[in-house]
Amino acid sequence: MSKVLKLTRDDPIIHLKAYGGVQIHGVEDAEMRCEIDSSELATLVEENGHVYVTINTGCSLTVPSKSTLEIEKGMGSIKINNILNDIRIEKVLGNLVLLDVTKVSVGKVGGNCSVKNAKGSVVCEKVAGSLVVDDVESFSCEKIGGFVKARSIAHDFNVDKVGGGIQAQDLIGRAKIMKVGGSIKGNGIHLAEDLKVGGDIELFNASFDSGIDLKAGGDILLGLSDLSDLTLDLYSGSEKIMIRKAGEIIGVGESTYTYKSGDETSLRVDLYAGGNILVTDEMSEPVLIGDLSDNFKFEETAFGEMIRERVESATRLAEAKVRATEIRLGKLHEKLENEFGFKLDIDLGKDVPDVPTPPSVHAPIPVSRPAGKKGATDEERLMILKMLQDKQISVEEAENLFKVLES
């Protein structure tokens, strides 16, 4: 089912709350279109260039590509494609996929995060799952719980802490990777800060700022195109160090070794390994990262599905409470009529006729339960069972009514 909102401008600021998975695609038209199971599950309101959107289940949204997106919360997964202006996201509990975007700021992502073709900076606070970044101007994230795959970053790539491993290729700008729980394998990376890794370090065609440290719990394999004008201080926990140049072994050490080629102004890097260390200038250029297309598909998480089911369950329970209230009001209506001896017209949409004053006024019979007693009365149970027998309600609705009346 489509729900369409014609907009007064083609560059609105869209404020979104989503309680299910949402796919957002930018188009040239100055309208918003929501493809959803029921139009009642989405509200779209425009006011002074701002559009306020609330989605209560999974849907697909098309919006003007010049929109600015302000997403307060996404209880499921979110995919955003072809948005030319800023995107600001506070929280996504599922996965986040960004394609053909410009500048993005993200708070927390509960699932995985994938970014492809971003012409501006992308900044994340925290990604609980894994991260895939491909062809991005610059990227920064404080903490990533899973693994990282990063390719073709034009400028800075900053990651403070990664729980898993990293594969990185063609990070043209300065890379600041502080702590990695697993191993790191990279090709064409310029490291601008100290690197500490729990597993192995394998770097090919790497370059460095002078004075940085590389620390690995496992082995270190360093493939450099040029071993001249370089000073390396090497420390091996397994007491096995090797320097290989032009096919010849030019240095072998046990726990420590210093390689120096150049004067005091040469590039200086210190390597600390729990295992072996090999530095060589003979490394074929590896292809570390292949096809990443599967990482940019929209995939709702199990958590998002659970949220959707809970919203639907809450809706059904609310409807059951309304039905239970109607039952109790019907009982009250009937008892009042029996007490006063005439029919009561409680339809407020009609003219209410004059009601004769009863000869004596006394309090109506109370309909509340005796003190300390909980649960549905026998009359309420019979009424629900009769509605079920007459097929006025389903078995599920009857169960919800019993739950409400028993509370």
Protein backbone atom coordinates (compact mmCIF):
# COMPACT_ATOMS: atom_id res chain seq x y z
CA MET A 1 0.00 0.00 0.00
CA SER A 2 1.31 3.46 -0.94
CA LYS A 3 1.00 6.58 1.18
CA VAL A 4 2.02 9.76 -0.64
CA LEU A 5 2.80 13.24 0.70
CA LYS A 6 3.28 16.06 -1.82
CA LEU A 7 5.99 18.44 -0.56
CA THR A 8 6.27 22.20 -0.94
CA ARG A 9 10.04 22.04 -1.55
CA ASP A 10 12.57 19.56 -2.94
CA ASP A 11 15.11 19.97 -0.10
CA PRO A 12 13.13 19.29 3.09
CA ILE A 13 14.54 18.39 6.49
CA ILE A 14 13.08 14.97 7.31
CA HIS A 15 12.75 13.89 10.96
CA LEU A 16 12.27 10.13 11.19
CA LYS A 17 11.35 7.68 13.94
CA ALA A 18 11.20 4.08 12.72
CA TYR A 19 9.96 1.12 14.74
CA GLY A 20 10.71 -1.37 11.99
CA GLY A 21 13.16 -1.84 9.13
CA VAL A 22 13.22 1.07 6.64
CA GLN A 23 14.76 1.45 3.18
CA ILE A 24 15.15 5.09 2.08
CA HIS A 25 15.86 6.00 -1.54
CA GLY A 26 16.42 9.51 -2.89
CA VAL A 27 14.62 10.60 -6.08
CA GLU A 28 14.21 13.87 -7.98
CA ASP A 29 10.48 14.31 -7.25
CA ALA A 30 9.30 16.73 -4.54
CA GLU A 31 7.20 14.12 -2.80
CA MET A 32 7.48 11.43 -0.19
CA ARG A 33 6.11 7.97 -0.88
CA CYS A 34 5.79 5.27 1.75
CA GLU A 35 5.22 1.64 0.72
CA ILE A 36 3.78 -0.07 3.79
CA ASP A 37 1.33 -2.84 4.72
CA SER A 38 -1.20 -0.40 6.18
CA SER A 39 -1.33 3.38 5.81
CA GLU A 40 -2.38 3.64 9.46
CA LEU A 41 1.10 2.45 10.47
CA ALA A 42 2.82 5.56 9.08
CA THR A 43 2.36 9.29 9.71
CA LEU A 44 3.79 11.90 7.32
CA VAL A 45 3.37 15.58 8.24
CA GLU A 46 5.02 18.62 6.61
CA GLU A 47 5.42 21.94 8.41
CA ASN A 48 7.57 24.89 7.28
CA GLY A 49 10.03 22.82 5.28
CA HIS A 50 10.27 20.11 7.92
CA VAL A 51 8.69 16.67 7.44
CA TYR A 52 7.91 14.59 10.53
CA VAL A 53 7.70 10.86 9.84
CA THR A 54 6.84 8.02 12.22
CA ILE A 55 6.91 4.44 10.95
CA ASN A 56 5.49 1.63 13.08
CA THR A 57 6.53 -1.34 10.91
CA GLY A 58 8.86 -2.21 8.06
CA CYS A 59 8.50 -0.08 4.93
CA SER A 60 10.17 1.51 1.92
CA LEU A 61 10.45 5.31 1.63
CA THR A 62 11.26 7.44 -1.39
CA VAL A 63 12.23 11.03 -0.58
CA PRO A 64 13.78 13.94 -2.50
CA SER A 65 17.49 13.29 -3.03
CA LYS A 66 18.25 16.82 -1.75
CA SER A 67 16.68 16.01 1.62
CA THR A 68 18.50 16.37 4.91
CA LEU A 69 17.81 13.34 7.10
CA GLU A 70 17.50 13.55 10.89
CA ILE A 71 16.88 10.01 12.21
CA GLU A 72 16.22 9.92 15.93
CA LYS A 73 15.88 6.17 16.20
CA GLY A 74 15.68 3.12 14.01
CA MET A 75 14.43 0.10 15.94
CA GLY A 76 15.17 -2.20 13.00
CA SER A 77 17.68 -2.02 10.14
CA ILE A 78 18.06 1.04 7.90
CA LYS A 79 19.31 1.36 4.32
CA ILE A 80 19.83 4.82 2.78
CA ASN A 81 20.62 5.34 -0.90
CA ASN A 82 21.22 8.46 -3.03
CA ILE A 83 20.90 11.28 -0.49
CA LEU A 84 22.92 14.37 -1.46
CA ASN A 85 22.68 16.40 1.77
CA ASP A 86 23.64 15.70 5.37
CA ILE A 87 22.47 12.59 7.20
CA ARG A 88 22.42 12.57 11.00
CA ILE A 89 21.46 9.38 12.84
CA GLU A 90 21.27 9.05 16.63
CA LYS A 91 20.68 5.31 16.97
CA VAL A 92 20.06 2.24 14.81
CA LEU A 93 19.40 -1.02 16.65
CA GLY A 94 19.74 -3.17 13.53
CA ASN A 95 22.10 -2.93 10.54
CA LEU A 96 22.94 0.34 8.77
CA VAL A 97 23.70 0.43 5.03
CA LEU A 98 24.73 3.70 3.32
CA LEU A 99 25.11 3.96 -0.48
CA ASP A 100 25.86 7.03 -2.61
CA VAL A 101 25.69 9.55 0.22
CA THR A 102 27.61 12.69 1.12
CA LYS A 103 28.23 13.67 4.75
CA VAL A 104 27.04 11.30 7.49
CA SER A 105 27.13 11.44 11.29
CA VAL A 106 26.03 8.33 13.23
CA GLY A 107 25.73 7.74 16.96
CA LYS A 108 25.32 4.04 17.72
CA VAL A 109 24.69 1.06 15.43
CA GLY A 110 23.51 -2.12 17.14
CA GLY A 111 24.22 -4.37 14.15
CA ASN A 112 26.64 -4.16 11.21
CA CYS A 113 27.50 -0.98 9.30
CA SER A 114 28.34 -0.73 5.58
CA VAL A 115 29.29 2.45 3.68
CA LYS A 116 29.93 2.72 -0.06
CA ASN A 117 30.51 5.76 -2.28
CA ALA A 118 30.47 8.57 0.27
CA LYS A 119 31.64 11.90 -1.13
CA GLY A 120 32.08 13.50 2.30
CA SER A 121 33.15 12.46 5.78
CA VAL A 122 31.45 9.58 7.58
CA VAL A 123 31.71 9.64 11.40
CA CYS A 124 30.41 6.90 13.72
CA GLU A 125 30.50 6.76 17.48
CA LYS A 126 30.07 3.01 17.93
CA VAL A 127 29.31 -0.06 15.78
CA ALA A 128 28.44 -3.17 17.79
CA GLY A 129 28.82 -5.50 14.80
CA SER A 130 31.20 -5.44 11.85
CA LEU A 131 32.15 -2.59 9.51
CA VAL A 132 32.66 -2.49 5.73
CA VAL A 133 33.82 0.77 4.11
CA ASP A 134 34.46 1.13 0.38
CA ASP A 135 35.28 4.24 -1.67
CA VAL A 136 34.78 6.89 1.01
CA GLU A 137 36.27 10.38 1.35
CA SER A 138 37.15 9.91 5.03
CA PHE A 139 35.96 7.70 7.88
CA SER A 140 36.17 7.78 11.66
CA CYS A 141 34.80 5.48 14.38
CA GLU A 142 35.59 5.17 18.07
CA LYS A 143 34.70 1.52 18.63
CA ILE A 144 33.81 -1.49 16.44
CA GLY A 145 32.83 -4.79 18.01
CA GLY A 146 33.43 -7.09 15.01
CA PHE A 147 35.80 -7.15 12.03
CA VAL A 148 36.65 -4.29 9.64
CA LYS A 149 37.09 -4.26 5.88
CA ALA A 150 38.20 -0.91 4.47
CA ARG A 151 39.13 -0.07 0.88
CA SER A 152 39.81 3.09 -1.12
CA ILE A 153 39.76 5.81 1.55
CA ALA A 154 40.86 9.10 -0.01
CA HIS A 155 41.78 10.92 3.21
CA ASP A 156 41.85 10.08 6.91
CA PHE A 157 40.83 6.68 8.27
CA ASN A 158 40.59 6.76 12.07
CA VAL A 159 39.56 3.78 14.21
CA ASP A 160 40.26 3.76 17.94
CA LYS A 161 39.31 0.19 18.89
CA VAL A 162 38.37 -2.93 16.90
CA GLY A 163 37.24 -6.12 18.61
CA GLY A 164 37.93 -8.39 15.61
CA GLY A 165 40.44 -8.25 12.79
CA ILE A 166 41.09 -5.75 9.98
CA GLN A 167 41.59 -6.08 6.25
CA ALA A 168 42.56 -2.78 4.64
CA GLN A 169 43.55 -1.84 1.12
CA ASP A 170 44.47 1.46 -0.55
CA LEU A 171 44.09 3.77 2.43
CA ILE A 172 45.58 6.72 0.60
CA GLY A 173 45.36 9.23 3.44
CA ARG A 174 46.64 8.97 7.00
CA ALA A 175 45.44 5.91 8.90
CA LYS A 176 45.19 5.98 12.70
CA ILE A 177 44.34 2.50 13.95
CA MET A 178 44.94 2.31 17.67
CA LYS A 179 43.94 -1.12 19.04
CA VAL A 180 42.91 -4.30 17.20
CA GLY A 181 41.78 -7.41 19.07
CA GLY A 182 42.45 -9.79 16.17
CA SER A 183 44.96 -9.59 13.32
CA ILE A 184 45.51 -6.91 10.69
CA LYS A 185 46.36 -7.45 7.05
CA GLY A 186 46.87 -4.40 4.83
CA ASN A 187 48.11 -3.35 1.42
CA GLY A 188 48.94 0.26 0.55
CA ILE A 189 48.44 1.81 3.99
CA HIS A 190 50.11 4.83 5.54
CA LEU A 191 50.11 4.48 9.34
CA ALA A 192 50.22 7.78 11.22
CA GLU A 193 49.92 6.46 14.81
CA ASP A 194 51.16 3.60 16.97
CA LEU A 195 49.42 0.29 16.23
CA LYS A 196 48.71 -2.40 18.83
CA VAL A 197 47.32 -5.75 17.64
CA GLY A 198 46.38 -8.88 19.59
CA GLY A 199 47.12 -11.20 16.65
CA ASP A 200 49.44 -10.90 13.63
CA ILE A 201 50.48 -7.85 11.60
CA GLU A 202 50.89 -8.29 7.83
CA LEU A 203 51.51 -5.06 5.95
CA PHE A 204 52.52 -4.80 2.28
CA ASN A 205 53.66 -1.63 0.50
CA ALA A 206 53.22 0.20 3.77
CA SER A 207 54.49 3.64 4.75
CA PHE A 208 54.74 5.27 8.16
CA ASP A 209 55.14 8.47 10.06
CA SER A 210 58.54 8.44 11.73
CA GLY A 211 58.77 7.32 15.35
CA ILE A 212 55.73 5.03 15.53
CA ASP A 213 55.56 1.58 17.15
CA LEU A 214 54.03 -1.60 15.74
CA LYS A 215 53.11 -4.11 18.47
CA ALA A 216 51.69 -7.58 17.78
CA GLY A 217 50.81 -10.46 20.06
CA GLY A 218 51.67 -12.82 17.17
CA ASP A 219 53.99 -12.49 14.15
CA ILE A 220 54.94 -9.39 12.13
CA LEU A 221 55.42 -9.55 8.37
CA LEU A 222 56.44 -6.23 6.83
CA GLY A 223 56.74 -5.94 3.04
CA LEU A 224 58.34 -2.65 2.00
CA SER A 225 59.16 -1.52 -1.54
CA ASP A 226 62.33 0.23 -0.34
CA LEU A 227 64.55 -0.63 2.61
CA SER A 228 66.83 2.37 2.22
CA ASP A 229 66.88 5.44 4.45
CA LEU A 230 65.25 3.43 7.21
CA THR A 231 65.98 2.54 10.83
CA LEU A 232 64.20 -0.43 12.42
CA ASP A 233 64.47 -1.58 16.02
CA LEU A 234 63.08 -5.13 16.19
CA TYR A 235 62.04 -7.14 19.26
CA SER A 236 60.88 -10.77 18.97
CA GLY A 237 59.31 -12.87 21.70
CA SER A 238 60.08 -16.10 19.81
CA GLU A 239 63.68 -14.95 19.24
CA LYS A 240 63.42 -15.18 15.47
CA ILE A 241 64.09 -12.04 13.38
CA MET A 242 64.95 -11.86 9.68
CA ILE A 243 65.69 -9.01 7.22
CA ARG A 244 65.61 -9.99 3.52
CA LYS A 245 66.66 -7.63 0.72
CA ALA A 246 66.83 -8.43 -3.00
CA GLY A 247 66.63 -12.13 -2.27
CA GLU A 248 69.45 -12.12 0.26
CA ILE A 249 69.27 -12.38 4.02
CA ILE A 250 71.10 -9.32 5.29
CA GLY A 251 70.20 -9.51 8.95
CA VAL A 252 69.29 -12.20 11.43
CA GLY A 253 68.61 -11.74 15.11
CA GLU A 254 67.17 -13.51 18.06
CA SER A 255 65.29 -11.43 20.63
CA THR A 256 66.50 -8.01 19.37
CA TYR A 257 67.98 -6.60 16.20
CA THR A 258 68.57 -3.12 14.75
CA TYR A 259 68.52 -2.46 11.03
CA LYS A 260 69.84 0.90 9.90
CA SER A 261 70.16 2.29 6.39
CA GLY A 262 70.65 6.04 6.22
CA ASP A 263 71.56 8.86 8.59
CA GLU A 264 69.94 10.20 11.74
CA THR A 265 67.12 11.81 9.74
CA SER A 266 65.98 8.48 8.28
CA LEU A 267 62.52 7.04 8.94
CA ARG A 268 62.43 5.24 12.29
CA VAL A 269 59.95 2.47 13.19
CA ASP A 270 60.03 0.06 16.16
CA LEU A 271 58.55 -3.45 15.85
CA TYR A 272 57.53 -5.57 18.85
CA ALA A 273 56.24 -9.12 18.21
CA GLY A 274 55.24 -11.94 20.51
CA GLY A 275 56.22 -14.27 17.65
CA ASN A 276 58.48 -13.99 14.58
CA ILE A 277 59.48 -10.87 12.59
CA LEU A 278 60.19 -10.80 8.86
CA VAL A 279 60.98 -7.58 6.94
CA THR A 280 61.45 -7.88 3.18
CA ASP A 281 61.37 -5.89 -0.05
CA GLU A 282 60.29 -8.91 -2.14
CA MET A 283 56.54 -9.22 -1.75
CA SER A 284 54.07 -9.70 -4.58
CA GLU A 285 51.22 -7.24 -4.22
CA PRO A 286 48.30 -9.21 -2.74
CA VAL A 287 44.62 -8.63 -3.39
CA LEU A 288 43.19 -8.61 0.13
CA ILE A 289 39.59 -7.55 -0.46
CA GLY A 290 37.42 -9.00 -3.20
CA ASP A 291 33.71 -8.63 -3.91
CA LEU A 292 31.90 -6.72 -1.13
CA SER A 293 28.45 -6.51 -2.74
CA ASP A 294 26.78 -8.84 -0.21
CA ASN A 295 27.62 -6.39 2.55
CA PHE A 296 25.42 -3.67 1.02
CA LYS A 297 22.13 -5.57 0.87
CA PHE A 298 19.27 -4.71 3.18
CA GLU A 299 18.89 -7.42 5.78
CA GLU A 300 16.62 -7.09 8.78
CA THR A 301 18.08 -8.42 12.01
CA ALA A 302 16.34 -10.85 14.34
CA PHE A 303 16.22 -8.04 16.90
CA GLY A 304 14.37 -5.81 14.44
CA GLU A 305 11.86 -8.58 13.79
CA MET A 306 11.38 -8.97 17.54
CA ILE A 307 10.68 -5.23 17.89
CA ARG A 308 8.12 -5.40 15.07
CA GLU A 309 6.38 -8.36 16.70
CA ARG A 310 6.30 -6.58 20.06
CA VAL A 311 4.77 -3.47 18.49
CA GLU A 312 2.08 -5.61 16.86
CA SER A 313 1.51 -7.49 20.13
CA ALA A 314 1.18 -4.21 22.03
CA THR A 315 -1.32 -2.99 19.45
CA ARG A 316 -3.40 -6.14 19.85
CA LEU A 317 -3.27 -5.82 23.65
CA ALA A 318 -4.40 -2.19 23.46
CA GLU A 319 -7.33 -3.23 21.29
CA ALA A 320 -8.17 -5.95 23.83
CA LYS A 321 -8.15 -3.36 26.63
CA VAL A 322 -10.57 -1.20 24.66
CA ARG A 323 -12.83 -4.20 24.13
CA ALA A 324 -12.64 -5.07 27.84
CA THR A 325 -13.61 -1.50 28.71
CA GLU A 326 -16.58 -1.75 26.35
CA ILE A 327 -17.69 -4.94 28.12
CA ARG A 328 -17.53 -3.33 31.53
CA LEU A 329 -19.30 -0.18 30.31
CA GLY A 330 -22.00 -2.41 28.85
CA LYS A 331 -22.47 -4.08 32.23
CA LEU A 332 -22.62 -0.69 33.94
CA HIS A 333 -25.16 0.50 31.40
CA GLU A 334 -27.34 -2.56 31.95
CA LYS A 335 -27.18 -2.33 35.74
CA LEU A 336 -28.04 1.37 35.74
CA GLU A 337 -31.07 0.68 33.55
CA ASN A 338 -32.17 -2.08 35.89
CA GLU A 339 -31.64 0.17 38.92
CA PHE A 340 -33.56 3.20 37.61
CA GLY A 341 -36.17 1.28 35.66
CA PHE A 342 -35.84 3.01 32.25
CA LYS A 343 -33.66 2.88 29.14
CA LEU A 344 -30.55 5.08 29.03
CA ASP A 345 -29.53 6.66 25.72
CA ILE A 346 -25.74 7.14 25.93
CA ASP A 347 -25.13 7.81 22.25
CA LEU A 348 -23.70 11.33 22.50
CA GLY A 349 -23.99 11.78 18.77
CA LYS A 350 -27.77 11.99 19.05
CA ASP A 351 -30.13 14.28 20.87
CA VAL A 352 -30.59 12.95 24.36
CA PRO A 353 -34.27 12.89 25.34
CA ASP A 354 -35.44 14.28 28.63
CA VAL A 355 -35.09 11.69 31.32
CA PRO A 356 -37.83 11.60 33.97
CA THR A 357 -36.59 12.07 37.47
CA PRO A 358 -36.95 8.84 39.43
CA PRO A 359 -39.09 8.97 42.56
CA SER A 360 -36.10 8.29 44.75
CA VAL A 361 -32.42 8.66 44.06
CA HIS A 362 -29.96 6.29 45.56
CA ALA A 363 -26.45 5.15 44.62
CA PRO A 364 -26.11 2.80 41.65
CA ILE A 365 -25.02 -0.74 42.23
CA PRO A 366 -21.19 -0.80 42.20
CA VAL A 367 -19.55 -2.73 39.38
CA SER A 368 -16.11 -2.96 40.92
CA ARG A 369 -14.95 -6.21 42.41
CA PRO A 370 -14.91 -6.82 46.16
CA ALA A 371 -11.77 -5.61 47.90
CA GLY A 372 -8.84 -7.95 47.45
CA LYS A 373 -10.49 -9.90 44.63
CA LYS A 374 -8.89 -9.95 41.17
CA GLY A 375 -9.80 -11.59 37.89
CA ALA A 376 -12.75 -11.64 35.55
CA THR A 377 -16.21 -12.26 36.92
CA ASP A 378 -18.28 -15.23 35.80
CA GLU A 379 -20.52 -12.88 33.83
CA GLU A 380 -17.52 -11.39 31.99
CA ARG A 381 -16.19 -14.84 31.16
CA LEU A 382 -19.55 -15.95 29.80
CA MET A 383 -19.81 -12.76 27.72
CA ILE A 384 -16.38 -13.40 26.15
CA LEU A 385 -17.16 -17.04 25.48
CA LYS A 386 -20.47 -16.06 23.84
CA MET A 387 -18.66 -13.50 21.62
CA LEU A 388 -16.20 -16.25 20.67
CA GLN A 389 -19.03 -18.69 19.93
CA ASP A 390 -20.80 -16.11 17.76
CA LYS A 391 -17.49 -15.53 15.92
CA GLN A 392 -17.47 -11.86 16.90
CA ILE A 393 -13.86 -12.25 18.12
CA SER A 394 -11.00 -14.64 17.36
CA VAL A 395 -9.44 -17.10 19.80
CA GLU A 396 -6.39 -14.82 20.12
CA GLU A 397 -8.59 -11.80 20.87
CA ALA A 398 -10.45 -13.86 23.50
CA GLU A 399 -7.17 -14.79 25.16
CA ASN A 400 -6.11 -11.13 25.23
CA LEU A 401 -9.48 -10.15 26.76
CA PHE A 402 -9.09 -12.75 29.50
CA LYS A 403 -5.55 -11.46 30.21
CA VAL A 404 -6.79 -7.88 30.51
CA LEU A 405 -9.77 -8.76 32.70
CA GLU A 406 -7.65 -10.95 34.94
CA SER A 407 -5.11 -8.13 35.53
